[in-house]
């Protein structure tokens, strides 16, 4: 007997489009290290966002790095819940094809969800622009003629 009930059933991502599933999380230490090594960072008074470009139309992923400097465990957990929810709600507005790591800074009070969602949207957009600018600079530098070879040729 075959189970045909699942053949036409919609996938979990189709029935719950705003779900924060495993494909959207950065979990492995090597993935975090790749983002940090890309050295693309933007920040404001509440949050630092690091990013790394991946494949152009891939879904963006989020990693969280909340240190003990931010506060006790319940404060760190609150930050993580708020940042995950902000990412989940605003993911359609965020640039595609990036891995992001959000790092909160120590605050007297934990900001509201709306404030963090706005910050996350603005900072990820700035981070994507910075990554595009850096990629353009690398591209133009690699296509420019080598100055030392040109001067050596002109001396001969």
N, C-alpha and C. Protein backbone atom coordinates (compact mmCIF):
# COMPACT_ATOMS: atom_id res chain seq x y z
N UNK A 1 0.84 -1.17 0.00
CA UNK A 1 0.00 0.00 0.00
C UNK A 1 0.89 1.24 0.00
N UNK A 2 0.61 2.16 -0.90
CA UNK A 2 1.41 3.37 -0.98
C UNK A 2 0.71 4.50 -0.26
N UNK A 3 1.49 5.42 0.25
CA UNK A 3 0.94 6.57 0.95
C UNK A 3 0.85 7.74 -0.02
N UNK A 4 -0.31 7.94 -0.61
CA UNK A 4 -0.49 9.00 -1.60
C UNK A 4 -0.93 10.31 -0.99
N UNK A 5 -1.13 10.34 0.31
CA UNK A 5 -1.60 11.57 0.96
C UNK A 5 -0.54 12.66 0.94
N UNK A 6 0.74 12.26 0.84
CA UNK A 6 1.81 13.25 0.84
C UNK A 6 2.22 13.68 -0.56
N UNK A 7 1.71 13.01 -1.58
CA UNK A 7 2.13 13.30 -2.94
C UNK A 7 1.77 14.72 -3.37
N UNK A 8 0.56 15.18 -3.10
CA UNK A 8 0.15 16.51 -3.51
C UNK A 8 0.14 17.51 -2.39
N UNK A 9 0.61 17.11 -1.23
CA UNK A 9 0.60 18.01 -0.07
C UNK A 9 1.63 19.10 -0.24
N UNK A 10 1.31 20.33 0.14
CA UNK A 10 2.29 21.42 0.04
C UNK A 10 3.42 21.21 1.03
N UNK A 11 4.57 21.71 0.65
CA UNK A 11 5.74 21.63 1.52
C UNK A 11 5.54 22.53 2.73
N UNK A 12 6.33 22.31 3.79
CA UNK A 12 6.21 23.11 5.01
C UNK A 12 6.48 24.58 4.75
N UNK A 13 7.42 24.88 3.82
CA UNK A 13 7.74 26.27 3.54
C UNK A 13 6.60 26.96 2.80
N UNK A 14 5.77 26.20 2.07
CA UNK A 14 4.65 26.80 1.36
C UNK A 14 3.49 27.10 2.30
N UNK A 15 3.26 26.24 3.28
CA UNK A 15 2.14 26.45 4.19
C UNK A 15 2.47 27.47 5.26
N UNK A 16 3.73 27.60 5.60
CA UNK A 16 4.16 28.56 6.62
C UNK A 16 5.28 29.40 6.04
N UNK A 17 4.95 30.40 5.22
CA UNK A 17 5.99 31.13 4.49
C UNK A 17 6.92 31.97 5.36
N UNK A 18 6.52 32.30 6.56
CA UNK A 18 7.37 33.13 7.41
C UNK A 18 8.14 32.31 8.44
N UNK A 19 8.18 31.02 8.27
CA UNK A 19 8.85 30.15 9.22
C UNK A 19 10.37 30.37 9.18
N UNK A 20 11.00 30.33 10.33
CA UNK A 20 12.46 30.46 10.43
C UNK A 20 13.03 29.05 10.50
N UNK A 21 13.22 28.42 9.34
CA UNK A 21 13.62 27.02 9.30
C UNK A 21 15.13 26.86 9.31
N UNK A 22 15.58 25.60 9.32
CA UNK A 22 17.01 25.31 9.44
C UNK A 22 17.83 25.85 8.28
N UNK A 23 17.23 25.95 7.11
CA UNK A 23 17.97 26.45 5.94
C UNK A 23 18.32 27.91 6.09
N UNK A 24 17.71 28.62 7.00
CA UNK A 24 17.95 30.05 7.20
C UNK A 24 18.87 30.33 8.39
N UNK A 25 19.39 29.29 9.04
CA UNK A 25 20.23 29.47 10.23
C UNK A 25 21.67 29.14 9.92
N UNK A 26 22.57 29.91 10.49
CA UNK A 26 23.98 29.58 10.45
C UNK A 26 24.28 28.90 11.78
N UNK A 27 24.73 27.66 11.72
CA UNK A 27 24.96 26.90 12.95
C UNK A 27 26.42 26.46 13.10
N UNK A 28 27.07 26.16 11.98
CA UNK A 28 28.42 25.59 12.05
C UNK A 28 29.46 26.66 12.31
N UNK A 29 30.45 26.31 13.08
CA UNK A 29 31.54 27.22 13.42
C UNK A 29 32.30 27.66 12.16
N UNK A 30 32.45 26.77 11.20
CA UNK A 30 33.17 27.14 9.97
C UNK A 30 32.41 28.20 9.19
N UNK A 31 31.08 28.14 9.20
CA UNK A 31 30.29 29.16 8.51
C UNK A 31 30.45 30.52 9.19
N UNK A 32 30.45 30.53 10.52
CA UNK A 32 30.69 31.78 11.25
C UNK A 32 32.07 32.34 10.92
N UNK A 33 33.07 31.46 10.87
CA UNK A 33 34.43 31.91 10.58
C UNK A 33 34.54 32.49 9.16
N UNK A 34 33.83 31.91 8.21
CA UNK A 34 33.84 32.44 6.84
C UNK A 34 33.25 33.85 6.80
N UNK A 35 32.19 34.07 7.56
CA UNK A 35 31.58 35.40 7.61
C UNK A 35 32.53 36.40 8.25
N UNK A 36 33.17 36.01 9.35
CA UNK A 36 34.10 36.92 10.02
C UNK A 36 35.31 37.23 9.14
N UNK A 37 35.81 36.23 8.39
CA UNK A 37 36.97 36.44 7.54
C UNK A 37 36.68 37.34 6.35
N UNK A 38 35.41 37.45 5.97
CA UNK A 38 35.05 38.33 4.85
C UNK A 38 35.28 39.79 5.23
N UNK A 39 35.28 40.10 6.52
CA UNK A 39 35.58 41.44 7.06
C UNK A 39 34.67 42.54 6.51
N UNK A 40 33.42 42.21 6.35
CA UNK A 40 32.43 43.22 5.95
C UNK A 40 31.51 43.42 7.15
N UNK A 41 31.66 44.57 7.80
CA UNK A 41 30.91 44.86 9.03
C UNK A 41 30.30 46.24 8.96
N UNK A 42 29.09 46.34 9.47
CA UNK A 42 28.44 47.63 9.67
C UNK A 42 27.81 47.59 11.06
N UNK A 43 27.63 48.77 11.64
CA UNK A 43 27.11 48.77 13.01
C UNK A 43 26.39 50.06 13.31
N UNK A 44 25.60 50.01 14.36
CA UNK A 44 25.01 51.20 14.98
C UNK A 44 25.16 51.03 16.49
N UNK A 45 24.43 51.82 17.26
CA UNK A 45 24.63 51.77 18.71
C UNK A 45 24.08 50.49 19.36
N UNK A 46 23.24 49.74 18.68
CA UNK A 46 22.64 48.54 19.26
C UNK A 46 23.17 47.24 18.69
N UNK A 47 23.66 47.27 17.46
CA UNK A 47 23.89 46.03 16.75
C UNK A 47 25.06 46.15 15.78
N UNK A 48 25.81 45.08 15.63
CA UNK A 48 26.83 44.96 14.60
C UNK A 48 26.40 43.82 13.69
N UNK A 49 26.47 44.03 12.39
CA UNK A 49 26.12 42.98 11.43
C UNK A 49 27.32 42.73 10.53
N UNK A 50 27.73 41.47 10.47
CA UNK A 50 28.79 41.03 9.58
C UNK A 50 28.12 40.25 8.46
N UNK A 51 28.69 40.32 7.25
CA UNK A 51 28.07 39.57 6.16
C UNK A 51 29.12 39.00 5.23
N UNK A 52 28.67 38.03 4.45
CA UNK A 52 29.49 37.39 3.43
C UNK A 52 28.58 37.04 2.27
N UNK A 53 28.94 37.44 1.05
CA UNK A 53 28.10 37.07 -0.09
C UNK A 53 28.20 35.57 -0.37
N UNK A 54 27.08 34.98 -0.75
CA UNK A 54 27.04 33.58 -1.16
C UNK A 54 26.56 33.56 -2.61
N UNK A 55 25.84 32.56 -3.01
CA UNK A 55 25.31 32.54 -4.37
C UNK A 55 24.21 33.58 -4.51
N UNK A 56 24.09 34.23 -5.67
CA UNK A 56 23.23 35.42 -5.81
C UNK A 56 21.77 35.27 -5.39
N UNK A 57 21.09 34.20 -5.76
CA UNK A 57 19.67 34.10 -5.44
C UNK A 57 19.37 33.13 -4.31
N UNK A 58 20.39 32.75 -3.55
CA UNK A 58 20.19 31.85 -2.42
C UNK A 58 19.49 32.60 -1.29
N UNK A 59 18.73 31.91 -0.48
CA UNK A 59 18.10 32.59 0.66
C UNK A 59 19.16 33.06 1.65
N UNK A 60 18.94 34.21 2.23
CA UNK A 60 19.87 34.73 3.22
C UNK A 60 19.76 33.92 4.50
N UNK A 61 20.89 33.81 5.19
CA UNK A 61 20.91 33.08 6.45
C UNK A 61 21.36 34.01 7.57
N UNK A 62 20.95 33.67 8.79
CA UNK A 62 21.28 34.48 9.96
C UNK A 62 21.98 33.64 11.00
N UNK A 63 23.06 34.20 11.54
CA UNK A 63 23.74 33.61 12.68
C UNK A 63 23.74 34.64 13.80
N UNK A 64 23.70 34.17 15.03
CA UNK A 64 23.67 35.07 16.18
C UNK A 64 24.88 34.81 17.05
N UNK A 65 25.51 35.88 17.48
CA UNK A 65 26.65 35.79 18.38
C UNK A 65 26.40 36.76 19.53
N UNK A 66 25.90 36.22 20.63
CA UNK A 66 25.54 37.06 21.77
C UNK A 66 26.44 36.66 22.93
N UNK A 67 27.41 37.52 23.24
CA UNK A 67 28.40 37.19 24.27
C UNK A 67 27.87 37.46 25.68
N UNK A 68 28.63 36.99 26.65
CA UNK A 68 28.25 37.20 28.05
C UNK A 68 28.37 38.66 28.46
N UNK A 69 29.06 39.46 27.66
CA UNK A 69 29.17 40.89 27.95
C UNK A 69 27.81 41.58 27.85
N UNK A 70 26.91 40.99 27.06
CA UNK A 70 25.58 41.57 26.86
C UNK A 70 24.74 41.46 28.12
N UNK A 71 24.93 40.40 28.86
CA UNK A 71 24.16 40.25 30.10
C UNK A 71 24.06 38.80 30.51
N UNK A 72 23.20 38.57 31.49
CA UNK A 72 22.99 37.21 31.99
C UNK A 72 22.23 36.39 30.95
N UNK A 73 22.05 35.11 31.24
CA UNK A 73 21.47 34.17 30.27
C UNK A 73 20.09 34.61 29.81
N UNK A 74 19.25 35.08 30.69
CA UNK A 74 17.90 35.45 30.27
C UNK A 74 17.92 36.68 29.36
N UNK A 75 18.90 37.56 29.54
CA UNK A 75 19.03 38.73 28.66
C UNK A 75 19.54 38.29 27.29
N UNK A 76 20.55 37.42 27.27
CA UNK A 76 21.08 36.92 26.00
C UNK A 76 20.01 36.16 25.23
N UNK A 77 19.24 35.35 25.92
CA UNK A 77 18.17 34.60 25.26
C UNK A 77 17.11 35.53 24.70
N UNK A 78 16.78 36.60 25.41
CA UNK A 78 15.80 37.56 24.92
C UNK A 78 16.30 38.24 23.63
N UNK A 79 17.59 38.63 23.63
CA UNK A 79 18.18 39.21 22.42
C UNK A 79 18.05 38.25 21.25
N UNK A 80 18.39 36.97 21.48
CA UNK A 80 18.34 35.99 20.40
C UNK A 80 16.92 35.80 19.89
N UNK A 81 15.96 35.71 20.78
CA UNK A 81 14.57 35.56 20.35
C UNK A 81 14.12 36.75 19.53
N UNK A 82 14.45 37.95 19.98
CA UNK A 82 14.04 39.16 19.25
C UNK A 82 14.71 39.25 17.88
N UNK A 83 16.00 38.93 17.81
CA UNK A 83 16.70 39.00 16.53
C UNK A 83 16.19 37.95 15.55
N UNK A 84 15.92 36.74 16.02
CA UNK A 84 15.36 35.72 15.14
C UNK A 84 13.99 36.13 14.62
N UNK A 85 13.17 36.70 15.50
CA UNK A 85 11.84 37.15 15.09
C UNK A 85 11.93 38.31 14.11
N UNK A 86 12.84 39.25 14.33
CA UNK A 86 13.03 40.37 13.41
C UNK A 86 13.46 39.86 12.03
N UNK A 87 14.37 38.90 12.01
CA UNK A 87 14.82 38.32 10.75
C UNK A 87 13.67 37.59 10.07
N UNK A 88 12.91 36.85 10.82
CA UNK A 88 11.79 36.09 10.27
C UNK A 88 10.75 37.01 9.64
N UNK A 89 10.42 38.09 10.33
CA UNK A 89 9.39 39.00 9.84
C UNK A 89 9.86 39.84 8.64
N UNK A 90 11.12 40.20 8.62
CA UNK A 90 11.63 41.10 7.58
C UNK A 90 12.44 40.39 6.50
N UNK A 91 12.44 39.08 6.47
CA UNK A 91 13.35 38.39 5.56
C UNK A 91 13.08 38.69 4.09
N UNK A 92 11.85 39.04 3.73
CA UNK A 92 11.55 39.37 2.33
C UNK A 92 12.14 40.74 1.95
N UNK A 93 12.42 41.59 2.93
CA UNK A 93 13.00 42.91 2.68
C UNK A 93 14.53 42.87 2.70
N UNK A 94 15.10 41.80 3.20
CA UNK A 94 16.56 41.70 3.33
C UNK A 94 17.18 41.28 2.01
N UNK A 95 18.44 41.66 1.79
CA UNK A 95 19.13 41.26 0.56
C UNK A 95 19.27 39.74 0.49
N UNK A 96 19.12 39.19 -0.70
CA UNK A 96 19.26 37.75 -0.91
C UNK A 96 20.71 37.42 -1.24
N UNK A 97 21.10 36.18 -0.94
CA UNK A 97 22.43 35.72 -1.30
C UNK A 97 23.52 36.12 -0.33
N UNK A 98 23.18 36.26 0.95
CA UNK A 98 24.17 36.65 1.96
C UNK A 98 24.01 35.80 3.21
N UNK A 99 25.12 35.61 3.90
CA UNK A 99 25.12 35.08 5.26
C UNK A 99 25.36 36.27 6.18
N UNK A 100 24.50 36.45 7.16
CA UNK A 100 24.62 37.55 8.11
C UNK A 100 24.86 37.00 9.50
N UNK A 101 25.69 37.68 10.27
CA UNK A 101 25.87 37.39 11.69
C UNK A 101 25.56 38.67 12.45
N UNK A 102 24.60 38.59 13.35
CA UNK A 102 24.19 39.74 14.16
C UNK A 102 24.82 39.63 15.54
N UNK A 103 25.44 40.73 15.97
CA UNK A 103 26.12 40.77 17.26
C UNK A 103 25.58 41.98 18.03
N UNK A 104 24.78 41.75 19.07
CA UNK A 104 24.26 42.89 19.84
C UNK A 104 25.33 43.48 20.75
N UNK A 105 25.18 44.78 21.04
CA UNK A 105 26.08 45.44 21.98
C UNK A 105 25.35 45.60 23.31
N UNK A 106 26.11 45.79 24.34
CA UNK A 106 25.51 45.92 25.67
C UNK A 106 24.65 47.18 25.74
N UNK A 107 23.44 47.02 26.25
CA UNK A 107 22.48 48.11 26.38
C UNK A 107 21.93 48.12 27.79
N UNK A 108 21.47 49.28 28.23
CA UNK A 108 20.82 49.36 29.54
C UNK A 108 19.48 48.63 29.51
N UNK A 109 18.74 48.81 28.41
CA UNK A 109 17.47 48.11 28.24
C UNK A 109 17.49 47.40 26.89
N UNK A 110 16.74 46.33 26.80
CA UNK A 110 16.65 45.59 25.54
C UNK A 110 15.69 46.35 24.64
N UNK A 111 16.09 46.65 23.40
CA UNK A 111 15.21 47.39 22.49
C UNK A 111 13.97 46.58 22.10
N UNK A 112 12.99 47.27 21.57
CA UNK A 112 11.76 46.61 21.15
C UNK A 112 11.99 45.84 19.85
N UNK A 113 11.06 44.97 19.54
CA UNK A 113 11.13 44.18 18.32
C UNK A 113 11.12 45.08 17.08
N UNK A 114 10.28 46.12 17.09
CA UNK A 114 10.20 47.03 15.94
C UNK A 114 11.54 47.74 15.71
N UNK A 115 12.17 48.17 16.78
CA UNK A 115 13.47 48.85 16.67
C UNK A 115 14.53 47.91 16.11
N UNK A 116 14.57 46.69 16.63
CA UNK A 116 15.55 45.72 16.14
C UNK A 116 15.28 45.32 14.70
N UNK A 117 14.01 45.20 14.33
CA UNK A 117 13.68 44.86 12.95
C UNK A 117 14.12 45.96 12.00
N UNK A 118 13.90 47.22 12.39
CA UNK A 118 14.35 48.34 11.56
C UNK A 118 15.87 48.36 11.45
N UNK A 119 16.54 48.18 12.59
CA UNK A 119 18.01 48.16 12.59
C UNK A 119 18.54 47.04 11.71
N UNK A 120 17.96 45.87 11.83
CA UNK A 120 18.42 44.72 11.05
C UNK A 120 18.23 44.97 9.56
N UNK A 121 17.09 45.54 9.18
CA UNK A 121 16.83 45.83 7.77
C UNK A 121 17.84 46.85 7.23
N UNK A 122 18.07 47.92 7.96
CA UNK A 122 19.00 48.96 7.51
C UNK A 122 20.43 48.46 7.46
N UNK A 123 20.85 47.74 8.49
CA UNK A 123 22.23 47.29 8.56
C UNK A 123 22.54 46.22 7.52
N UNK A 124 21.60 45.32 7.25
CA UNK A 124 21.84 44.30 6.23
C UNK A 124 21.92 44.94 4.85
N UNK A 125 21.11 45.95 4.60
CA UNK A 125 21.18 46.66 3.31
C UNK A 125 22.52 47.37 3.16
N UNK A 126 22.99 48.04 4.23
CA UNK A 126 24.30 48.70 4.19
C UNK A 126 25.42 47.69 3.99
N UNK A 127 25.29 46.55 4.63
CA UNK A 127 26.30 45.50 4.52
C UNK A 127 26.36 44.96 3.09
N UNK A 128 25.19 44.78 2.48
CA UNK A 128 25.14 44.28 1.10
C UNK A 128 25.76 45.30 0.14
N UNK A 129 25.48 46.60 0.36
CA UNK A 129 26.08 47.64 -0.48
C UNK A 129 27.60 47.65 -0.34
N UNK A 130 28.06 47.50 0.89
CA UNK A 130 29.50 47.48 1.15
C UNK A 130 30.15 46.27 0.48
N UNK A 131 29.48 45.13 0.51
CA UNK A 131 30.01 43.92 -0.13
C UNK A 131 30.06 44.10 -1.64
N UNK A 132 29.02 44.72 -2.22
CA UNK A 132 29.01 44.96 -3.66
C UNK A 132 30.11 45.92 -4.06
N UNK A 133 30.33 46.95 -3.26
CA UNK A 133 31.38 47.93 -3.54
C UNK A 133 32.75 47.26 -3.48
N UNK A 134 32.94 46.39 -2.49
CA UNK A 134 34.22 45.70 -2.35
C UNK A 134 34.44 44.74 -3.52
N UNK A 135 33.39 44.05 -3.94
CA UNK A 135 33.51 43.13 -5.08
C UNK A 135 33.84 43.90 -6.35
N UNK A 136 33.25 45.07 -6.52
CA UNK A 136 33.54 45.91 -7.69
C UNK A 136 34.99 46.39 -7.67
N UNK A 137 35.48 46.76 -6.49
CA UNK A 137 36.86 47.22 -6.37
C UNK A 137 37.83 46.09 -6.69
N UNK A 138 37.55 44.89 -6.25
CA UNK A 138 38.41 43.74 -6.54
C UNK A 138 38.37 43.42 -8.02
N UNK A 139 37.19 43.53 -8.60
CA UNK A 139 37.03 43.25 -10.03
C UNK A 139 37.82 44.24 -10.89
N UNK A 140 37.74 45.52 -10.55
CA UNK A 140 38.47 46.53 -11.32
C UNK A 140 39.97 46.42 -11.10
N UNK A 141 40.39 46.05 -9.91
CA UNK A 141 41.82 45.90 -9.63
C UNK A 141 42.40 44.71 -10.39
N UNK A 142 41.62 43.65 -10.55
CA UNK A 142 42.14 42.47 -11.25
C UNK A 142 42.15 42.68 -12.76
N UNK A 143 41.31 43.57 -13.29
CA UNK A 143 41.29 43.82 -14.73
C UNK A 143 42.22 44.95 -15.14
N UNK A 144 42.69 45.75 -14.19
CA UNK A 144 43.61 46.86 -14.50
C UNK A 144 44.97 46.30 -14.88
N UNK A 145 45.68 46.94 -15.82
CA UNK A 145 47.02 46.45 -16.20
C UNK A 145 47.99 46.61 -15.03
N UNK A 146 48.92 45.71 -14.98
CA UNK A 146 49.92 45.73 -13.92
C UNK A 146 50.88 46.90 -14.18
N UNK A 147 50.95 47.83 -13.26
CA UNK A 147 51.74 49.05 -13.44
C UNK A 147 53.23 48.74 -13.53
N UNK A 148 53.71 47.79 -12.76
CA UNK A 148 55.14 47.49 -12.78
C UNK A 148 55.55 46.91 -14.13
N UNK A 149 54.69 46.11 -14.76
CA UNK A 149 55.02 45.57 -16.08
C UNK A 149 55.01 46.66 -17.14
N UNK A 150 54.11 47.60 -17.04
CA UNK A 150 54.02 48.68 -18.01
C UNK A 150 55.26 49.56 -17.93
N UNK A 151 55.70 49.90 -16.75
CA UNK A 151 56.87 50.76 -16.60
C UNK A 151 58.13 50.04 -17.03
N UNK A 152 58.23 48.74 -16.81
CA UNK A 152 59.39 47.97 -17.23
C UNK A 152 59.46 47.90 -18.76
N UNK A 153 58.28 47.76 -19.40
CA UNK A 153 58.25 47.70 -20.85
C UNK A 153 58.64 49.06 -21.46
N UNK A 154 58.25 50.14 -20.83
CA UNK A 154 58.54 51.47 -21.38
C UNK A 154 60.02 51.81 -21.24
N UNK A 155 60.72 51.22 -20.28
CA UNK A 155 62.15 51.46 -20.11
C UNK A 155 62.98 50.77 -21.16
N UNK A 156 62.50 49.74 -21.76
CA UNK A 156 63.29 48.97 -22.73
C UNK A 156 63.31 49.56 -24.07
